[in-house]
Amino acid sequence: MPARTKFFIFKRFGILATVVATTLTILLPSLQGVAWVNEHAVWAVWVALLVLTTAVVLLHARLAAVHEMLENARADAASEKGRADNAVARASEAEARAELEGRRAAEAIEASNAATETLEAAARLASDARMGDSDRALADKLNAYASNSNVLNELAEFFPYKISRELVDAARELSELPRTRAPHNAGLKDQLAVLSEAAEAWFRQFLRVAWTEDDHYSTRLDPIASVAARKEHEVQTDGLVQLGFDLHSKLLGYQQYHASLETLPRG
C-alpha cells in the first residue's frame, strides 16, 4: 500500500472547465437580477464563473481521488485476502505433510517392531529346537517305550484277564520319569508330559481293578462277588481299556515326533 494518497486527481480538466464556463455564461444573464450586475459590476459575473468553475473542478478532482483510493483499498484487500488464502493453503499442506510423515514414521516403527519380534521368535525357536546330549538321550529312551511292539500290541488288543508285567512296568516307569528328568528342549518337555500323564492315568486305574495272578495281572473277580460289585468292576475295567487306547495313541504320536528329531541341531 502506498505511503500517502493524492488528495486531488485532475482528469480531463480542460473539457470540464469549458463545459462549465459555457453553461454558466449562457445561464447567468437570463437570471433575474443579473442585468443590474452587468450594468454596475461586470467583473462579478466573471469572478462568479471563475469561482464556480474552480469549485467544480476541485470537487471532481476530489471525487476522482476518493474513487482511486477506494479502488486501491479494494485491490489491497483482495491482495491481502489472496496472501491469507495462500498462507492457509501452505499451512494445510504443511499439516498434511506432517500427518503423512507421522503415519510413515508409525508404520516404520511398527514394521521395525514386527521384524524385531520375528527375529526374537526365530531365535527362541532355534534355541528351543537345539537339543543337548542329555535331552537326546531322554528322547531315545522315550522312543524305546513308544516303539515296544509288545506294549503297543497289548494296548491295542487289550485283554483284561491277562495283563503282562512288561506293560505294567512300562506304564509305571513312564509315569515316574518327570520326577527324575527335566528336559531343556521345549518340544521334548511337552512330549514327556503327554506320555507321562497318559501312563500315570492308566497305571492308577490299573491299581484299582487288577491284582497279581501267576506271572501276570488280571481283573478277574472272585465268583462270590455280588452283582453290584461285578457291575461296578466292569465299569472300572472299561475305563482301564479306554485309558489304554489313549496311551497307545500317545505312544504312536511320539514315534512321529522322534522321527522329526533327526533334522534338529544338537546343542
Protein backbone atom coordinates (compact mmCIF):
# COMPACT_ATOMS: atom_id res chain seq x y z
CA MET A 1 0.00 0.00 0.00
CA PRO A 2 1.41 3.48 -0.89
CA ALA A 3 2.63 5.72 1.91
CA ARG A 4 0.19 8.53 1.04
CA THR A 5 -2.58 9.10 -1.49
CA LYS A 6 -3.08 12.26 -3.56
CA PHE A 7 -5.80 14.48 -2.20
CA PHE A 8 -6.84 15.60 -5.71
CA ILE A 9 -6.67 13.85 -9.03
CA PHE A 10 -7.32 16.07 -12.05
CA LYS A 11 -8.74 14.35 -15.11
CA ARG A 12 -10.00 15.94 -18.36
CA PHE A 13 -9.66 19.40 -16.76
CA GLY A 14 -9.91 21.41 -19.97
CA ILE A 15 -13.08 19.75 -21.20
CA LEU A 16 -14.79 20.02 -17.84
CA ALA A 17 -13.83 23.65 -17.31
CA THR A 18 -15.02 24.64 -20.81
CA VAL A 19 -18.36 22.92 -20.38
CA VAL A 20 -18.95 24.56 -17.00
CA ALA A 21 -17.89 28.03 -18.16
CA THR A 22 -20.04 27.83 -21.29
CA THR A 23 -23.05 26.68 -19.35
CA LEU A 24 -22.74 29.41 -16.75
CA THR A 25 -22.18 32.08 -19.42
CA ILE A 26 -25.44 31.10 -21.07
CA LEU A 27 -27.48 30.74 -17.87
CA LEU A 28 -26.35 33.61 -15.72
CA PRO A 29 -27.55 36.51 -17.97
CA SER A 30 -31.05 35.02 -18.08
CA LEU A 31 -31.39 35.08 -14.32
CA GLN A 32 -33.30 37.94 -12.66
CA GLY A 33 -31.03 40.48 -11.10
CA VAL A 34 -28.10 39.67 -13.33
CA ALA A 35 -28.82 42.72 -15.54
CA TRP A 36 -28.06 45.01 -12.59
CA VAL A 37 -24.85 43.16 -12.06
CA ASN A 38 -23.93 43.52 -15.75
CA GLU A 39 -24.51 47.26 -15.57
CA HIS A 40 -22.72 48.07 -12.34
CA ALA A 41 -20.28 45.17 -11.74
CA VAL A 42 -19.36 43.32 -14.87
CA TRP A 43 -16.41 41.72 -13.15
CA ALA A 44 -18.75 39.96 -10.65
CA VAL A 45 -20.07 37.61 -13.34
CA TRP A 46 -16.63 36.54 -14.39
CA VAL A 47 -15.49 36.18 -10.82
CA ALA A 48 -18.53 34.02 -10.11
CA LEU A 49 -17.79 31.97 -13.24
CA LEU A 50 -14.21 31.50 -12.13
CA VAL A 51 -15.19 30.51 -8.58
CA LEU A 52 -17.84 28.06 -9.74
CA THR A 53 -15.57 26.54 -12.36
CA THR A 54 -12.76 26.14 -9.83
CA ALA A 55 -15.12 24.61 -7.28
CA VAL A 56 -16.49 22.16 -9.81
CA VAL A 57 -13.02 21.20 -10.99
CA LEU A 58 -11.77 20.71 -7.41
CA LEU A 59 -14.85 18.71 -6.46
CA HIS A 60 -14.44 16.45 -9.48
CA ALA A 61 -10.73 16.04 -8.74
CA ARG A 62 -11.51 15.14 -5.10
CA LEU A 63 -14.12 12.61 -6.20
CA ALA A 64 -11.62 11.06 -8.59
CA ALA A 65 -9.05 10.85 -5.78
CA VAL A 66 -11.58 9.21 -3.43
CA HIS A 67 -12.59 6.76 -6.15
CA GLU A 68 -8.96 5.84 -6.78
CA MET A 69 -8.36 5.44 -3.04
CA LEU A 70 -11.38 3.10 -2.88
CA GLU A 71 -10.08 1.09 -5.83
CA ASN A 72 -6.62 0.88 -4.24
CA ALA A 73 -8.16 -0.21 -0.95
CA ARG A 74 -10.18 -2.91 -2.73
CA ALA A 75 -7.08 -4.07 -4.59
CA ASP A 76 -5.07 -4.14 -1.35
CA ALA A 77 -7.86 -6.07 0.40
CA ALA A 78 -8.00 -8.57 -2.45
CA SER A 79 -4.22 -8.89 -2.35
CA GLU A 80 -4.23 -9.42 1.42
CA LYS A 81 -7.02 -11.99 1.06
CA GLY A 82 -5.03 -13.81 -1.60
CA ARG A 83 -1.95 -13.83 0.62
CA ALA A 84 -4.06 -15.06 3.55
CA ASP A 85 -5.57 -17.81 1.38
CA ASN A 86 -2.10 -18.80 0.22
CA ALA A 87 -0.88 -18.87 3.81
CA VAL A 88 -3.83 -21.06 4.83
CA ALA A 89 -3.19 -23.36 1.87
CA ARG A 90 0.50 -23.61 2.75
CA ALA A 91 -0.38 -24.31 6.37
CA SER A 92 -2.81 -27.04 5.27
CA GLU A 93 -0.16 -28.56 3.02
CA ALA A 94 2.38 -28.47 5.84
CA GLU A 95 -0.11 -30.11 8.20
CA ALA A 96 -0.89 -32.79 5.59
CA ARG A 97 2.83 -33.43 5.06
CA ALA A 98 3.38 -33.63 8.81
CA GLU A 99 0.49 -36.08 9.18
CA LEU A 100 1.83 -38.17 6.29
CA GLU A 101 5.30 -38.18 7.80
CA GLY A 102 3.79 -39.16 11.15
CA ARG A 103 1.96 -42.09 9.55
CA ARG A 104 5.10 -43.15 7.72
CA ALA A 105 7.07 -42.96 10.95
CA ALA A 106 4.43 -45.00 12.79
CA GLU A 107 4.42 -47.59 10.00
CA ALA A 108 8.21 -47.74 10.08
CA ILE A 109 8.19 -48.22 13.85
CA GLU A 110 5.51 -50.92 13.56
CA ALA A 111 7.46 -52.69 10.80
CA SER A 112 10.62 -52.46 12.89
CA ASN A 113 8.85 -53.89 15.93
CA ALA A 114 7.38 -56.70 13.83
CA ALA A 115 10.79 -57.51 12.40
CA THR A 116 12.31 -57.49 15.87
CA GLU A 117 9.59 -59.80 17.18
CA THR A 118 10.11 -62.11 14.21
CA LEU A 119 13.85 -62.25 14.84
CA GLU A 120 13.30 -62.85 18.56
CA ALA A 121 10.77 -65.60 17.81
CA ALA A 122 13.17 -67.19 15.36
CA ALA A 123 15.94 -67.02 17.95
CA ARG A 124 13.66 -68.61 20.56
CA LEU A 125 12.64 -71.35 18.15
CA ALA A 126 16.25 -72.03 17.27
CA SER A 127 17.11 -72.15 20.96
CA ASP A 128 14.16 -74.41 21.72
CA ALA A 129 14.91 -76.68 18.79
CA ARG A 130 18.52 -77.17 19.83
CA MET A 131 18.77 -80.43 21.76
CA GLY A 132 21.67 -81.33 24.03
CA ASP A 133 23.07 -84.76 24.67
CA SER A 134 21.03 -85.32 27.84
CA ASP A 135 17.79 -84.38 26.07
CA ARG A 136 18.70 -86.56 23.11
CA ALA A 137 19.27 -89.50 25.45
CA LEU A 138 15.89 -88.90 27.08
CA ALA A 139 14.22 -88.66 23.67
CA ASP A 140 15.74 -92.00 22.66
CA LYS A 141 14.63 -93.55 25.96
CA LEU A 142 11.05 -92.41 25.41
CA ASN A 143 11.20 -93.75 21.88
CA ALA A 144 12.19 -97.14 23.27
CA TYR A 145 8.93 -97.20 25.24
CA ALA A 146 6.93 -95.90 22.28
CA SER A 147 8.41 -98.47 19.91
CA ASN A 148 7.96 -101.50 22.14
CA SER A 149 5.84 -103.74 19.93
CA ASN A 150 4.73 -105.95 22.83
CA VAL A 151 3.39 -103.00 24.77
CA LEU A 152 1.71 -101.48 21.72
CA ASN A 153 0.04 -104.74 20.69
CA GLU A 154 -1.24 -105.40 24.19
CA LEU A 155 -2.71 -101.92 24.47
CA ALA A 156 -4.32 -102.19 21.03
CA GLU A 157 -5.82 -105.66 21.74
CA PHE A 158 -6.32 -105.34 25.47
CA PHE A 159 -7.38 -108.46 27.36
CA PRO A 160 -8.13 -107.51 30.98
CA TYR A 161 -7.82 -111.05 32.30
CA LYS A 162 -4.16 -111.27 31.28
CA ILE A 163 -2.11 -108.11 31.64
CA SER A 164 1.63 -108.58 31.19
CA ARG A 165 4.19 -107.34 33.68
CA GLU A 166 6.06 -105.71 30.83
CA LEU A 167 3.12 -103.39 30.10
CA VAL A 168 2.61 -102.55 33.78
CA ASP A 169 6.35 -101.86 34.29
CA ALA A 170 6.48 -99.65 31.19
CA ALA A 171 3.46 -97.62 32.31
CA ARG A 172 4.87 -97.18 35.82
CA GLU A 173 8.30 -96.12 34.58
CA LEU A 174 6.81 -93.63 32.12
CA SER A 175 4.64 -92.08 34.84
CA GLU A 176 7.69 -91.66 37.12
CA LEU A 177 10.09 -90.18 34.55
CA PRO A 178 9.20 -86.48 35.18
CA ARG A 179 10.33 -86.90 38.78
CA THR A 180 13.92 -87.60 37.71
CA ARG A 181 14.24 -85.99 34.25
CA ALA A 182 13.68 -82.35 33.31
CA PRO A 183 14.42 -81.75 29.60
CA HIS A 184 15.58 -78.32 28.42
CA ASN A 185 14.05 -78.64 24.96
CA ALA A 186 10.51 -77.26 25.00
CA GLY A 187 9.11 -79.75 22.49
CA LEU A 188 10.58 -82.71 24.31
CA LYS A 189 9.29 -81.37 27.60
CA ASP A 190 5.76 -81.27 26.21
CA GLN A 191 6.06 -84.80 24.81
CA LEU A 192 7.29 -86.15 28.13
CA ALA A 193 4.35 -84.50 29.92
CA VAL A 194 1.85 -86.03 27.47
CA LEU A 195 3.27 -89.56 27.74
CA SER A 196 3.74 -89.49 31.50
CA GLU A 197 0.22 -88.19 32.15
CA ALA A 198 -1.35 -90.84 29.91
CA ALA A 199 0.78 -93.59 31.50
CA GLU A 200 0.02 -92.38 35.04
CA ALA A 201 -3.74 -92.29 34.35
CA TRP A 202 -3.61 -95.88 33.03
CA PHE A 203 -1.46 -97.12 35.92
CA ARG A 204 -3.70 -95.57 38.58
CA GLN A 205 -6.77 -97.15 37.04
CA PHE A 206 -4.89 -100.45 36.80
CA LEU A 207 -4.22 -100.39 40.55
CA ARG A 208 -7.97 -100.05 41.19
CA VAL A 209 -9.12 -103.07 39.18
CA ALA A 210 -6.22 -105.57 38.81
CA TRP A 211 -4.18 -107.89 41.01
CA THR A 212 -1.45 -110.48 40.64
CA GLU A 213 -2.31 -113.85 39.09
CA ASP A 214 0.63 -116.26 38.48
CA ASP A 215 3.15 -114.50 36.20
CA HIS A 216 0.75 -111.77 35.05
CA TYR A 217 -2.01 -109.47 36.28
CA SER A 218 -5.76 -109.90 35.90
CA THR A 219 -9.01 -108.06 36.52
CA ARG A 220 -10.98 -111.28 37.02
CA LEU A 221 -13.33 -111.06 40.02
CA ASP A 222 -13.89 -113.79 42.57
CA PRO A 223 -17.02 -115.80 41.70
CA ILE A 224 -18.54 -114.94 45.04
CA ALA A 225 -18.64 -111.22 44.25
CA SER A 226 -22.09 -109.65 44.26
CA VAL A 227 -23.90 -108.49 41.15
CA ALA A 228 -23.48 -104.85 42.15
CA ALA A 229 -19.76 -105.35 42.69
CA ARG A 230 -19.45 -107.00 39.30
CA LYS A 231 -21.23 -104.11 37.54
CA GLU A 232 -19.03 -101.55 39.26
CA HIS A 233 -15.94 -103.60 38.40
CA GLU A 234 -16.96 -103.78 34.74
CA VAL A 235 -17.28 -100.01 34.63
CA GLN A 236 -13.82 -99.59 36.14
CA THR A 237 -12.36 -102.18 33.74
CA ASP A 238 -13.90 -100.42 30.74
CA GLY A 239 -12.25 -97.23 31.97
CA LEU A 240 -8.89 -99.04 32.03
CA VAL A 241 -9.43 -100.24 28.45
CA GLN A 242 -10.19 -96.70 27.22
CA LEU A 243 -7.17 -95.27 29.01
CA GLY A 244 -5.07 -98.00 27.37
CA PHE A 245 -6.29 -96.94 23.93
CA ASP A 246 -5.40 -93.32 24.77
CA LEU A 247 -1.89 -94.32 25.89
CA HIS A 248 -1.48 -96.37 22.72
CA SER A 249 -2.37 -93.29 20.62
CA LYS A 250 0.08 -91.09 22.56
CA LEU A 251 2.92 -93.59 22.05
CA LEU A 252 2.32 -93.70 18.29
CA GLY A 253 2.27 -89.90 18.22
CA TYR A 254 5.63 -89.79 19.97
CA GLN A 255 7.14 -92.04 17.30
CA GLN A 256 6.34 -89.35 14.72
CA TYR A 257 7.85 -86.66 16.94
CA HIS A 258 11.03 -88.67 17.45
CA ALA A 259 11.39 -89.17 13.71
CA SER A 260 11.38 -85.37 13.26
CA LEU A 261 14.29 -85.01 15.69
CA GLU A 262 16.72 -86.22 13.04
CA THR A 263 16.56 -82.75 11.42
CA LEU A 264 17.15 -80.79 14.63
CA PRO A 265 20.59 -79.43 15.57
CA ARG A 266 22.42 -80.72 18.59
CA GLY A 267 23.41 -78.32 21.35
